[in-house]
């Protein structure tokens, strides 16, 4: 069958069809349905083939050469964000990547960042798939930044007692103010807090893990650039440190189904942001800007967080009152 004939069959352009056949374009649910109707089998069959193909293609263990490995890293964003800066002594981009990860060889990288060894509890989008290589780069940059921070010894009780003070920071509008204070308070309790911009392919909101010295790291991507997402993710990761200290490392492999640990961390974040005494009032809150702002002041959080919680409980639509959320941008 020609590309043109196949394109007509699935109602797509020839360029897209060529990308689909070459493996560059994904078999989405819509495409899987068309393939099942025109070529046979079921929609699930084609989606399973897609998953198997992607997993095999991007398997850490399947990489055989340094050049192949480097091509799978988010090099463009790593350069753009200033993570990679090849020096005069470095002969190639591959060497710069090895230096970035602080490993001498591909095998050493696999041992550190291979399947099931990225020790992290992370939250990711249910829509977009997280790429292992992009996540590895993101986590490594977090390690680099954490090495520049001085912290006290990890003290869970001290951290718990600091949570109300951390919550008050949600009222700060300027990230240059609240991030500095957030890092200081966390460091005082023995927690590294780092904010790392996510490269292409890294659909991660946050991660909680322990470094080799046994100190906890909370890493945030600020991915949605809004205050409600940022603060919920922060307190979600706090929940992992407080509730699941002995279970870390662990993974949340997809956002469609939450395991018990993720549900517990979500509940912890919700209860920290909107305390139990205010939750009945939240569920019966009149959907108006005035009432939302008044409630936020009484609850001690930013109005955007209240909007985010109301949307989460489906009390308002995801398109409503978003003007009350604070929006940020990278510089």
C-alpha atoms as a PDB file:
ATOM      1  CA  UNK A   1       0.000   0.000   0.000  1.00  0.00           C
ATOM      2  CA  UNK A   2       1.339   3.429  -0.887  1.00  0.00           C
ATOM      3  CA  UNK A   3       1.666   6.235   1.659  1.00  0.00           C
ATOM      4  CA  UNK A   4      -1.028   8.111  -0.222  1.00  0.00           C
ATOM      5  CA  UNK A   5      -3.462   5.187  -0.077  1.00  0.00           C
ATOM      6  CA  UNK A   6      -2.727   4.593   3.588  1.00  0.00           C
ATOM      7  CA  UNK A   7      -3.253   8.307   4.310  1.00  0.00           C
ATOM      8  CA  UNK A   8      -6.680   8.235   2.704  1.00  0.00           C
ATOM      9  CA  UNK A   9      -7.529   5.095   4.641  1.00  0.00           C
ATOM     10  CA  UNK A  10      -6.881   6.691   8.041  1.00  0.00           C
ATOM     11  CA  UNK A  11      -7.896  10.205   6.967  1.00  0.00           C
ATOM     12  CA  UNK A  12      -4.492  11.811   7.621  1.00  0.00           C
ATOM     13  CA  UNK A  13      -1.904  13.688   5.564  1.00  0.00           C
ATOM     14  CA  UNK A  14       0.887  11.781   3.790  1.00  0.00           C
ATOM     15  CA  UNK A  15       3.528  13.549   5.928  1.00  0.00           C
ATOM     16  CA  UNK A  16       1.812  12.450   9.135  1.00  0.00           C
ATOM     17  CA  UNK A  17       1.389   8.916   7.823  1.00  0.00           C
ATOM     18  CA  UNK A  18       5.097   8.743   7.004  1.00  0.00           C
ATOM     19  CA  UNK A  19       5.934   9.949  10.524  1.00  0.00           C
ATOM     20  CA  UNK A  20       3.590   7.333  11.955  1.00  0.00           C
ATOM     21  CA  UNK A  21       5.225   4.520  10.006  1.00  0.00           C
ATOM     22  CA  UNK A  22       8.751   5.705  10.848  1.00  0.00           C
ATOM     23  CA  UNK A  23       7.893   5.808  14.542  1.00  0.00           C
ATOM     24  CA  UNK A  24       8.188   9.560  14.999  1.00  0.00           C
ATOM     25  CA  UNK A  25       4.445  10.103  15.441  1.00  0.00           C
ATOM     26  CA  UNK A  26       2.603   8.250  18.176  1.00  0.00           C
ATOM     27  CA  UNK A  27      -0.387   5.957  17.844  1.00  0.00           C
ATOM     28  CA  UNK A  28      -2.908   7.920  19.874  1.00  0.00           C
ATOM     29  CA  UNK A  29      -6.313   6.605  20.943  1.00  0.00           C
ATOM     30  CA  UNK A  30      -7.881   8.289  17.899  1.00  0.00           C
ATOM     31  CA  UNK A  31      -5.345   6.792  15.486  1.00  0.00           C
ATOM     32  CA  UNK A  32      -5.612   3.384  17.185  1.00  0.00           C
ATOM     33  CA  UNK A  33      -9.351   3.405  16.560  1.00  0.00           C
ATOM     34  CA  UNK A  34      -8.831   4.211  12.865  1.00  0.00           C
ATOM     35  CA  UNK A  35      -6.202   1.485  12.509  1.00  0.00           C
ATOM     36  CA  UNK A  36      -8.494  -1.067  14.124  1.00  0.00           C
ATOM     37  CA  UNK A  37     -11.343  -0.122  11.793  1.00  0.00           C
ATOM     38  CA  UNK A  38      -9.236  -0.174   8.616  1.00  0.00           C
ATOM     39  CA  UNK A  39      -6.514  -2.771   9.297  1.00  0.00           C
ATOM     40  CA  UNK A  40      -8.164  -5.032  11.843  1.00  0.00           C
ATOM     41  CA  UNK A  41      -7.665  -6.093  15.494  1.00  0.00           C
ATOM     42  CA  UNK A  42      -8.741  -3.831  18.346  1.00  0.00           C
ATOM     43  CA  UNK A  43      -7.997  -0.326  19.515  1.00  0.00           C
ATOM     44  CA  UNK A  44      -6.221  -1.758  22.601  1.00  0.00           C
ATOM     45  CA  UNK A  45      -4.057  -3.958  20.380  1.00  0.00           C
ATOM     46  CA  UNK A  46      -2.619  -0.925  18.567  1.00  0.00           C
ATOM     47  CA  UNK A  47      -2.139   1.072  21.774  1.00  0.00           C
ATOM     48  CA  UNK A  48      -0.288  -1.892  23.304  1.00  0.00           C
ATOM     49  CA  UNK A  49       1.987  -2.075  20.243  1.00  0.00           C
ATOM     50  CA  UNK A  50       2.713   1.639  20.661  1.00  0.00           C
ATOM     51  CA  UNK A  51       3.605   1.222  24.345  1.00  0.00           C
ATOM     52  CA  UNK A  52       5.862  -1.750  23.626  1.00  0.00           C
ATOM     53  CA  UNK A  53       7.617   0.107  20.833  1.00  0.00           C
ATOM     54  CA  UNK A  54       8.259   3.213  22.963  1.00  0.00           C
ATOM     55  CA  UNK A  55       9.408   1.218  25.984  1.00  0.00           C
ATOM     56  CA  UNK A  56      11.847  -0.833  23.921  1.00  0.00           C
ATOM     57  CA  UNK A  57      13.083   2.128  21.926  1.00  0.00           C
ATOM     58  CA  UNK A  58      13.748   4.234  24.995  1.00  0.00           C
ATOM     59  CA  UNK A  59      14.838   1.472  27.348  1.00  0.00           C
ATOM     60  CA  UNK A  60      17.892   2.617  29.280  1.00  0.00           C
ATOM     61  CA  UNK A  61      19.383  -0.861  29.100  1.00  0.00           C
ATOM     62  CA  UNK A  62      18.996  -1.059  25.314  1.00  0.00           C
ATOM     63  CA  UNK A  63      21.363   1.853  24.676  1.00  0.00           C
ATOM     64  CA  UNK A  64      24.633   0.514  23.293  1.00  0.00           C
ATOM     65  CA  UNK A  65      26.756   3.577  22.523  1.00  0.00           C
ATOM     66  CA  UNK A  66      27.532   6.974  24.024  1.00  0.00           C
ATOM     67  CA  UNK A  67      26.481   8.766  20.858  1.00  0.00           C
ATOM     68  CA  UNK A  68      23.092   7.009  20.916  1.00  0.00           C
ATOM     69  CA  UNK A  69      22.732   7.888  24.606  1.00  0.00           C
ATOM     70  CA  UNK A  70      23.533  11.568  24.034  1.00  0.00           C
ATOM     71  CA  UNK A  71      20.965  11.805  21.229  1.00  0.00           C
ATOM     72  CA  UNK A  72      18.216  10.722  23.640  1.00  0.00           C
ATOM     73  CA  UNK A  73      19.044  13.429  26.188  1.00  0.00           C
ATOM     74  CA  UNK A  74      17.220  16.794  25.995  1.00  0.00           C
ATOM     75  CA  UNK A  75      20.409  18.464  24.755  1.00  0.00           C
ATOM     76  CA  UNK A  76      18.720  21.567  23.327  1.00  0.00           C
ATOM     77  CA  UNK A  77      17.068  22.509  26.620  1.00  0.00           C
ATOM     78  CA  UNK A  78      20.108  21.465  28.661  1.00  0.00           C
ATOM     79  CA  UNK A  79      22.110  24.025  26.700  1.00  0.00           C
ATOM     80  CA  UNK A  80      19.341  26.624  26.782  1.00  0.00           C
ATOM     81  CA  UNK A  81      18.979  26.338  30.569  1.00  0.00           C
ATOM     82  CA  UNK A  82      22.740  26.558  31.091  1.00  0.00           C
ATOM     83  CA  UNK A  83      23.211  23.006  32.322  1.00  0.00           C
ATOM     84  CA  UNK A  84      25.685  22.132  29.570  1.00  0.00           C
ATOM     85  CA  UNK A  85      28.632  24.371  28.829  1.00  0.00           C
ATOM     86  CA  UNK A  86      31.360  22.387  27.043  1.00  0.00           C
ATOM     87  CA  UNK A  87      34.800  23.705  27.961  1.00  0.00           C
ATOM     88  CA  UNK A  88      37.988  23.850  25.939  1.00  0.00           C
ATOM     89  CA  UNK A  89      39.309  20.624  27.463  1.00  0.00           C
ATOM     90  CA  UNK A  90      36.200  18.668  26.501  1.00  0.00           C
ATOM     91  CA  UNK A  91      36.500  17.075  23.085  1.00  0.00           C
ATOM     92  CA  UNK A  92      32.801  16.530  22.448  1.00  0.00           C
ATOM     93  CA  UNK A  93      29.252  17.062  23.560  1.00  0.00           C
ATOM     94  CA  UNK A  94      29.237  13.460  24.811  1.00  0.00           C
ATOM     95  CA  UNK A  95      32.064  14.289  27.200  1.00  0.00           C
ATOM     96  CA  UNK A  96      30.167  17.354  28.398  1.00  0.00           C
ATOM     97  CA  UNK A  97      27.143  15.136  29.119  1.00  0.00           C
ATOM     98  CA  UNK A  98      29.271  12.653  31.060  1.00  0.00           C
ATOM     99  CA  UNK A  99      30.691  15.519  33.092  1.00  0.00           C
ATOM    100  CA  UNK A 100      27.194  16.858  33.745  1.00  0.00           C
ATOM    101  CA  UNK A 101      26.089  13.503  35.189  1.00  0.00           C
ATOM    102  CA  UNK A 102      29.476  13.069  36.905  1.00  0.00           C
ATOM    103  CA  UNK A 103      29.971   9.574  35.492  1.00  0.00           C
ATOM    104  CA  UNK A 104      32.983   8.158  33.591  1.00  0.00           C
ATOM    105  CA  UNK A 105      31.109   5.880  31.185  1.00  0.00           C
ATOM    106  CA  UNK A 106      27.776   4.788  29.762  1.00  0.00           C
ATOM    107  CA  UNK A 107      27.725   1.739  32.039  1.00  0.00           C
ATOM    108  CA  UNK A 108      28.269   3.948  35.079  1.00  0.00           C
ATOM    109  CA  UNK A 109      25.357   6.138  33.951  1.00  0.00           C
ATOM    110  CA  UNK A 110      23.125   3.082  33.550  1.00  0.00           C
ATOM    111  CA  UNK A 111      23.963   1.911  37.057  1.00  0.00           C
ATOM    112  CA  UNK A 112      23.010   5.294  38.507  1.00  0.00           C
ATOM    113  CA  UNK A 113      20.087   6.323  36.309  1.00  0.00           C
ATOM    114  CA  UNK A 114      18.928   3.023  34.834  1.00  0.00           C
ATOM    115  CA  UNK A 115      15.499   1.430  35.191  1.00  0.00           C
ATOM    116  CA  UNK A 116      14.133   1.516  38.758  1.00  0.00           C
ATOM    117  CA  UNK A 117      17.228   3.326  40.105  1.00  0.00           C
ATOM    118  CA  UNK A 118      16.084   6.949  39.830  1.00  0.00           C
ATOM    119  CA  UNK A 119      15.137   7.054  43.479  1.00  0.00           C
ATOM    120  CA  UNK A 120      12.277   9.443  43.474  1.00  0.00           C
ATOM    121  CA  UNK A 121       8.627   9.859  44.299  1.00  0.00           C
ATOM    122  CA  UNK A 122       7.334  11.971  41.470  1.00  0.00           C
ATOM    123  CA  UNK A 123       4.083  13.316  40.211  1.00  0.00           C
ATOM    124  CA  UNK A 124       3.558  13.480  36.475  1.00  0.00           C
ATOM    125  CA  UNK A 125       0.837  14.406  34.063  1.00  0.00           C
ATOM    126  CA  UNK A 126      -1.739  11.771  33.162  1.00  0.00           C
ATOM    127  CA  UNK A 127      -1.733  13.093  29.607  1.00  0.00           C
ATOM    128  CA  UNK A 128       1.924  13.332  28.685  1.00  0.00           C
ATOM    129  CA  UNK A 129       4.425  10.528  29.031  1.00  0.00           C
ATOM    130  CA  UNK A 130       7.609  11.212  30.978  1.00  0.00           C
ATOM    131  CA  UNK A 131      10.822  10.402  29.108  1.00  0.00           C
ATOM    132  CA  UNK A 132      13.377   8.566  31.288  1.00  0.00           C
ATOM    133  CA  UNK A 133      16.323  10.476  29.841  1.00  0.00           C
ATOM    134  CA  UNK A 134      14.730  13.885  30.311  1.00  0.00           C
ATOM    135  CA  UNK A 135      13.738  12.954  33.875  1.00  0.00           C
ATOM    136  CA  UNK A 136      17.302  11.790  34.576  1.00  0.00           C
ATOM    137  CA  UNK A 137      18.692  15.128  33.397  1.00  0.00           C
ATOM    138  CA  UNK A 138      16.134  17.013  35.494  1.00  0.00           C
ATOM    139  CA  UNK A 139      16.955  14.988  38.604  1.00  0.00           C
ATOM    140  CA  UNK A 140      20.690  15.429  38.066  1.00  0.00           C
ATOM    141  CA  UNK A 141      20.348  19.215  37.821  1.00  0.00           C
ATOM    142  CA  UNK A 142      18.467  19.065  41.108  1.00  0.00           C
ATOM    143  CA  UNK A 143      21.407  17.226  42.674  1.00  0.00           C
ATOM    144  CA  UNK A 144      23.829  19.834  41.340  1.00  0.00           C
ATOM    145  CA  UNK A 145      21.779  22.693  42.793  1.00  0.00           C
ATOM    146  CA  UNK A 146      21.305  20.934  46.132  1.00  0.00           C
ATOM    147  CA  UNK A 147      25.076  20.563  46.486  1.00  0.00           C
ATOM    148  CA  UNK A 148      25.297  24.364  46.646  1.00  0.00           C
ATOM    149  CA  UNK A 149      22.926  24.588  49.626  1.00  0.00           C
ATOM    150  CA  UNK A 150      23.932  24.265  53.281  1.00  0.00           C
ATOM    151  CA  UNK A 151      21.346  22.547  55.446  1.00  0.00           C
ATOM    152  CA  UNK A 152      20.956  21.313  59.006  1.00  0.00           C
ATOM    153  CA  UNK A 153      20.406  17.689  59.923  1.00  0.00           C
ATOM    154  CA  UNK A 154      17.032  16.295  58.831  1.00  0.00           C
ATOM    155  CA  UNK A 155      14.521  16.824  61.648  1.00  0.00           C
ATOM    156  CA  UNK A 156      10.991  15.611  60.891  1.00  0.00           C
ATOM    157  CA  UNK A 157       9.430  17.143  64.018  1.00  0.00           C
ATOM    158  CA  UNK A 158      10.964  20.511  63.252  1.00  0.00           C
ATOM    159  CA  UNK A 159       9.737  20.244  59.673  1.00  0.00           C
ATOM    160  CA  UNK A 160       6.183  19.458  60.792  1.00  0.00           C
ATOM    161  CA  UNK A 161       6.158  22.419  63.162  1.00  0.00           C
ATOM    162  CA  UNK A 162       7.347  24.682  60.298  1.00  0.00           C
ATOM    163  CA  UNK A 163       4.461  23.779  57.976  1.00  0.00           C
ATOM    164  CA  UNK A 164       2.149  26.612  59.171  1.00  0.00           C
ATOM    165  CA  UNK A 165       4.947  29.111  58.476  1.00  0.00           C
ATOM    166  CA  UNK A 166       5.459  27.592  55.030  1.00  0.00           C
ATOM    167  CA  UNK A 167       1.734  27.886  54.331  1.00  0.00           C
ATOM    168  CA  UNK A 168       1.819  31.624  55.075  1.00  0.00           C
ATOM    169  CA  UNK A 169       4.262  32.064  52.207  1.00  0.00           C
ATOM    170  CA  UNK A 170       1.440  31.323  49.759  1.00  0.00           C
ATOM    171  CA  UNK A 171       0.370  34.946  50.205  1.00  0.00           C
ATOM    172  CA  UNK A 172       3.645  36.237  48.766  1.00  0.00           C
ATOM    173  CA  UNK A 173       3.225  37.289  45.150  1.00  0.00           C
ATOM    174  CA  UNK A 174       6.881  37.481  44.105  1.00  0.00           C
ATOM    175  CA  UNK A 175       8.734  34.146  43.686  1.00  0.00           C
ATOM    176  CA  UNK A 176      12.047  35.864  44.432  1.00  0.00           C
ATOM    177  CA  UNK A 177      10.687  36.454  47.940  1.00  0.00           C
ATOM    178  CA  UNK A 178       8.752  33.300  48.744  1.00  0.00           C
ATOM    179  CA  UNK A 179      11.267  30.908  47.156  1.00  0.00           C
ATOM    180  CA  UNK A 180      14.130  32.396  49.170  1.00  0.00           C
ATOM    181  CA  UNK A 181      12.169  32.077  52.431  1.00  0.00           C
ATOM    182  CA  UNK A 182      10.907  28.624  51.440  1.00  0.00           C
ATOM    183  CA  UNK A 183      14.456  27.388  50.873  1.00  0.00           C
ATOM    184  CA  UNK A 184      15.684  28.925  54.140  1.00  0.00           C
ATOM    185  CA  UNK A 185      12.976  27.301  56.245  1.00  0.00           C
ATOM    186  CA  UNK A 186      13.444  23.928  54.558  1.00  0.00           C
ATOM    187  CA  UNK A 187      17.227  24.100  54.976  1.00  0.00           C
ATOM    188  CA  UNK A 188      16.783  24.898  58.661  1.00  0.00           C
ATOM    189  CA  UNK A 189      14.782  21.650  58.988  1.00  0.00           C
ATOM    190  CA  UNK A 190      17.343  19.644  57.022  1.00  0.00           C
ATOM    191  CA  UNK A 191      15.555  19.589  53.646  1.00  0.00           C
ATOM    192  CA  UNK A 192      17.053  20.611  50.318  1.00  0.00           C
ATOM    193  CA  UNK A 193      14.539  22.544  48.223  1.00  0.00           C
ATOM    194  CA  UNK A 194      15.409  23.076  44.557  1.00  0.00           C
ATOM    195  CA  UNK A 195      13.366  24.458  41.680  1.00  0.00           C
ATOM    196  CA  UNK A 196      14.460  23.097  38.298  1.00  0.00           C
ATOM    197  CA  UNK A 197      12.839  23.929  35.008  1.00  0.00           C
ATOM    198  CA  UNK A 198      11.652  20.770  33.246  1.00  0.00           C
ATOM    199  CA  UNK A 199      13.260  20.057  29.847  1.00  0.00           C
ATOM    200  CA  UNK A 200      11.226  18.761  26.922  1.00  0.00           C
ATOM    201  CA  UNK A 201       9.968  15.258  27.663  1.00  0.00           C
ATOM    202  CA  UNK A 202      10.035  15.686  31.436  1.00  0.00           C
ATOM    203  CA  UNK A 203       6.376  15.965  32.408  1.00  0.00           C
ATOM    204  CA  UNK A 204       7.179  15.982  36.106  1.00  0.00           C
ATOM    205  CA  UNK A 205       5.702  18.394  38.627  1.00  0.00           C
ATOM    206  CA  UNK A 206       7.760  17.431  41.652  1.00  0.00           C
ATOM    207  CA  UNK A 207       9.859  14.754  43.327  1.00  0.00           C
ATOM    208  CA  UNK A 208      10.855  13.788  46.865  1.00  0.00           C
ATOM    209  CA  UNK A 209      13.907  11.659  47.476  1.00  0.00           C
ATOM    210  CA  UNK A 210      16.951  11.198  49.683  1.00  0.00           C
ATOM    211  CA  UNK A 211      20.510  11.824  48.508  1.00  0.00           C
ATOM    212  CA  UNK A 212      23.443   9.522  49.197  1.00  0.00           C
ATOM    213  CA  UNK A 213      24.057  11.241  52.540  1.00  0.00           C
ATOM    214  CA  UNK A 214      20.516  10.514  53.702  1.00  0.00           C
ATOM    215  CA  UNK A 215      19.252  14.086  53.393  1.00  0.00           C
ATOM    216  CA  UNK A 216      15.830  14.699  51.805  1.00  0.00           C
ATOM    217  CA  UNK A 217      15.459  16.677  48.574  1.00  0.00           C
ATOM    218  CA  UNK A 218      12.223  18.251  47.414  1.00  0.00           C
ATOM    219  CA  UNK A 219      12.519  19.139  43.746  1.00  0.00           C
ATOM    220  CA  UNK A 220       9.878  21.183  41.932  1.00  0.00           C
ATOM    221  CA  UNK A 221       9.554  22.031  38.258  1.00  0.00           C
ATOM    222  CA  UNK A 222       7.082  24.947  38.550  1.00  0.00           C
ATOM    223  CA  UNK A 223       5.749  23.367  35.368  1.00  0.00           C
ATOM    224  CA  UNK A 224       2.332  25.030  35.160  1.00  0.00           C
ATOM    225  CA  UNK A 225       3.604  28.429  36.325  1.00  0.00           C
ATOM    226  CA  UNK A 226       0.592  29.055  38.576  1.00  0.00           C
ATOM    227  CA  UNK A 227       0.469  29.376  42.349  1.00  0.00           C
ATOM    228  CA  UNK A 228      -2.151  26.679  42.958  1.00  0.00           C
ATOM    229  CA  UNK A 229      -0.190  23.964  41.138  1.00  0.00           C
ATOM    230  CA  UNK A 230       3.115  25.021  42.666  1.00  0.00           C
ATOM    231  CA  UNK A 231       1.948  25.029  46.283  1.00  0.00           C
ATOM    232  CA  UNK A 232      -0.103  21.846  46.015  1.00  0.00           C
ATOM    233  CA  UNK A 233       2.885  20.040  44.536  1.00  0.00           C
ATOM    234  CA  UNK A 234       5.177  21.390  47.250  1.00  0.00           C
ATOM    235  CA  UNK A 235       2.928  20.197  50.080  1.00  0.00           C
ATOM    236  CA  UNK A 236       2.350  16.913  48.236  1.00  0.00           C
ATOM    237  CA  UNK A 237       6.096  16.260  48.331  1.00  0.00           C
ATOM    238  CA  UNK A 238       6.172  17.366  51.977  1.00  0.00           C
ATOM    239  CA  UNK A 239       3.580  14.655  52.562  1.00  0.00           C
ATOM    240  CA  UNK A 240       5.897  12.023  51.114  1.00  0.00           C
ATOM    241  CA  UNK A 241       8.708  13.071  53.458  1.00  0.00           C
ATOM    242  CA  UNK A 242       6.469  13.114  56.509  1.00  0.00           C
ATOM    243  CA  UNK A 243       4.328  10.046  55.799  1.00  0.00           C
ATOM    244  CA  UNK A 244       6.525   7.808  53.666  1.00  0.00           C
ATOM    245  CA  UNK A 245      10.064   8.434  54.883  1.00  0.00           C
ATOM    246  CA  UNK A 246      10.754   4.701  55.180  1.00  0.00           C
ATOM    247  CA  UNK A 247       9.201   3.902  51.789  1.00  0.00           C
ATOM    248  CA  UNK A 248      11.225   6.330  49.680  1.00  0.00           C
ATOM    249  CA  UNK A 249      12.363   5.666  46.993  1.00  0.00           C
ATOM    250  CA  UNK A 250       9.195   4.764  45.089  1.00  0.00           C
ATOM    251  CA  UNK A 251       7.551   5.709  41.824  1.00  0.00           C
ATOM    252  CA  UNK A 252       4.165   6.904  40.614  1.00  0.00           C
ATOM    253  CA  UNK A 253       4.201   5.396  37.145  1.00  0.00           C
ATOM    254  CA  UNK A 254       1.114   7.082  35.725  1.00  0.00           C
ATOM    255  CA  UNK A 255      -1.238   9.807  36.753  1.00  0.00           C
ATOM    256  CA  UNK A 256      -4.363   7.893  35.772  1.00  0.00           C
ATOM    257  CA  UNK A 257      -4.434   5.645  38.841  1.00  0.00           C
ATOM    258  CA  UNK A 258      -3.078   6.667  42.224  1.00  0.00           C
ATOM    259  CA  UNK A 259      -1.641   4.189  44.698  1.00  0.00           C
ATOM    260  CA  UNK A 260      -2.215   4.551  48.437  1.00  0.00           C
ATOM    261  CA  UNK A 261       0.940   6.607  49.004  1.00  0.00           C
ATOM    262  CA  UNK A 262      -0.042   9.138  46.345  1.00  0.00           C
ATOM    263  CA  UNK A 263      -3.578   9.416  47.726  1.00  0.00           C
ATOM    264  CA  UNK A 264      -2.167   9.982  51.203  1.00  0.00           C
ATOM    265  CA  UNK A 265       0.212  12.669  49.932  1.00  0.00           C
ATOM    266  CA  UNK A 266      -2.660  14.376  48.080  1.00  0.00           C
ATOM    267  CA  UNK A 267      -4.800  14.347  51.213  1.00  0.00           C
ATOM    268  CA  UNK A 268      -1.892  15.687  53.266  1.00  0.00           C
ATOM    269  CA  UNK A 269      -1.446  18.588  50.822  1.00  0.00           C
ATOM    270  CA  UNK A 270      -5.157  19.403  50.813  1.00  0.00           C
ATOM    271  CA  UNK A 271      -5.332  19.392  54.618  1.00  0.00           C
ATOM    272  CA  UNK A 272      -2.236  21.575  54.941  1.00  0.00           C
ATOM    273  CA  UNK A 273      -3.514  24.175  52.499  1.00  0.00           C
ATOM    274  CA  UNK A 274      -7.133  24.196  53.684  1.00  0.00           C
ATOM    275  CA  UNK A 275      -7.222  23.116  57.331  1.00  0.00           C
ATOM    276  CA  UNK A 276      -9.950  20.740  58.482  1.00  0.00           C
ATOM    277  CA  UNK A 277     -11.904  23.478  60.230  1.00  0.00           C
ATOM    278  CA  UNK A 278     -12.316  25.367  56.949  1.00  0.00           C
ATOM    279  CA  UNK A 279     -13.050  22.440  54.646  1.00  0.00           C
ATOM    280  CA  UNK A 280     -16.843  22.323  55.275  1.00  0.00           C
ATOM    281  CA  UNK A 281     -16.987  26.034  54.433  1.00  0.00           C
ATOM    282  CA  UNK A 282     -14.951  25.406  51.273  1.00  0.00           C
ATOM    283  CA  UNK A 283     -17.407  22.765  50.064  1.00  0.00           C
ATOM    284  CA  UNK A 284     -20.302  25.176  50.571  1.00  0.00           C
ATOM    285  CA  UNK A 285     -18.557  28.298  49.324  1.00  0.00           C
ATOM    286  CA  UNK A 286     -20.544  30.589  47.052  1.00  0.00           C
ATOM    287  CA  UNK A 287     -18.767  30.686  43.647  1.00  0.00           C
ATOM    288  CA  UNK A 288     -17.978  34.386  43.413  1.00  0.00           C
ATOM    289  CA  UNK A 289     -14.686  36.287  43.300  1.00  0.00           C
ATOM    290  CA  UNK A 290     -15.584  38.263  46.404  1.00  0.00           C
ATOM    291  CA  UNK A 291     -16.459  35.186  48.479  1.00  0.00           C
ATOM    292  CA  UNK A 292     -13.409  33.254  47.257  1.00  0.00           C
ATOM    293  CA  UNK A 293     -11.051  36.082  48.231  1.00  0.00           C
ATOM    294  CA  UNK A 294     -12.746  36.527  51.604  1.00  0.00           C
ATOM    295  CA  UNK A 295     -12.521  32.801  52.331  1.00  0.00           C
ATOM    296  CA  UNK A 296      -8.865  32.683  51.221  1.00  0.00           C
ATOM    297  CA  UNK A 297      -7.969  35.425  53.691  1.00  0.00           C
ATOM    298  CA  UNK A 298      -9.677  33.585  56.555  1.00  0.00           C
ATOM    299  CA  UNK A 299      -8.120  30.238  55.570  1.00  0.00           C
ATOM    300  CA  UNK A 300      -4.677  31.824  55.300  1.00  0.00           C
ATOM    301  CA  UNK A 301      -3.906  30.905  51.706  1.00  0.00           C
ATOM    302  CA  UNK A 302      -3.805  32.665  48.366  1.00  0.00           C
ATOM    303  CA  UNK A 303      -7.088  32.972  46.401  1.00  0.00           C
ATOM    304  CA  UNK A 304      -5.583  30.906  43.584  1.00  0.00           C
ATOM    305  CA  UNK A 305      -5.205  27.916  45.908  1.00  0.00           C
ATOM    306  CA  UNK A 306      -8.876  28.153  46.854  1.00  0.00           C
ATOM    307  CA  UNK A 307      -9.800  28.238  43.161  1.00  0.00           C
ATOM    308  CA  UNK A 308      -7.599  25.203  42.519  1.00  0.00           C
ATOM    309  CA  UNK A 309      -9.262  23.251  45.325  1.00  0.00           C
ATOM    310  CA  UNK A 310     -12.753  24.200  44.170  1.00  0.00           C
ATOM    311  CA  UNK A 311     -11.854  23.011  40.676  1.00  0.00           C
ATOM    312  CA  UNK A 312     -10.386  19.805  42.083  1.00  0.00           C
ATOM    313  CA  UNK A 313     -13.649  19.014  43.891  1.00  0.00           C
ATOM    314  CA  UNK A 314     -15.601  19.911  40.714  1.00  0.00           C
ATOM    315  CA  UNK A 315     -17.455  22.660  42.543  1.00  0.00           C
ATOM    316  CA  UNK A 316     -16.535  25.052  39.726  1.00  0.00           C
ATOM    317  CA  UNK A 317     -15.317  24.472  36.176  1.00  0.00           C
ATOM    318  CA  UNK A 318     -11.637  24.450  35.261  1.00  0.00           C
ATOM    319  CA  UNK A 319     -12.324  27.540  33.153  1.00  0.00           C
ATOM    320  CA  UNK A 320     -13.770  29.551  36.044  1.00  0.00           C
ATOM    321  CA  UNK A 321     -12.080  32.146  38.283  1.00  0.00           C
ATOM    322  CA  UNK A 322      -8.632  31.458  36.851  1.00  0.00           C
ATOM    323  CA  UNK A 323      -7.994  35.208  36.979  1.00  0.00           C
ATOM    324  CA  UNK A 324      -7.580  34.792  40.755  1.00  0.00           C
ATOM    325  CA  UNK A 325      -4.584  32.500  40.248  1.00  0.00           C
ATOM    326  CA  UNK A 326      -1.144  34.095  40.226  1.00  0.00           C
ATOM    327  CA  UNK A 327       0.770  33.414  37.032  1.00  0.00           C
ATOM    328  CA  UNK A 328       4.528  33.340  36.679  1.00  0.00           C
ATOM    329  CA  UNK A 329       7.071  33.167  33.875  1.00  0.00           C
ATOM    330  CA  UNK A 330      10.674  32.012  33.571  1.00  0.00           C
ATOM    331  CA  UNK A 331      13.436  34.589  33.208  1.00  0.00           C
END
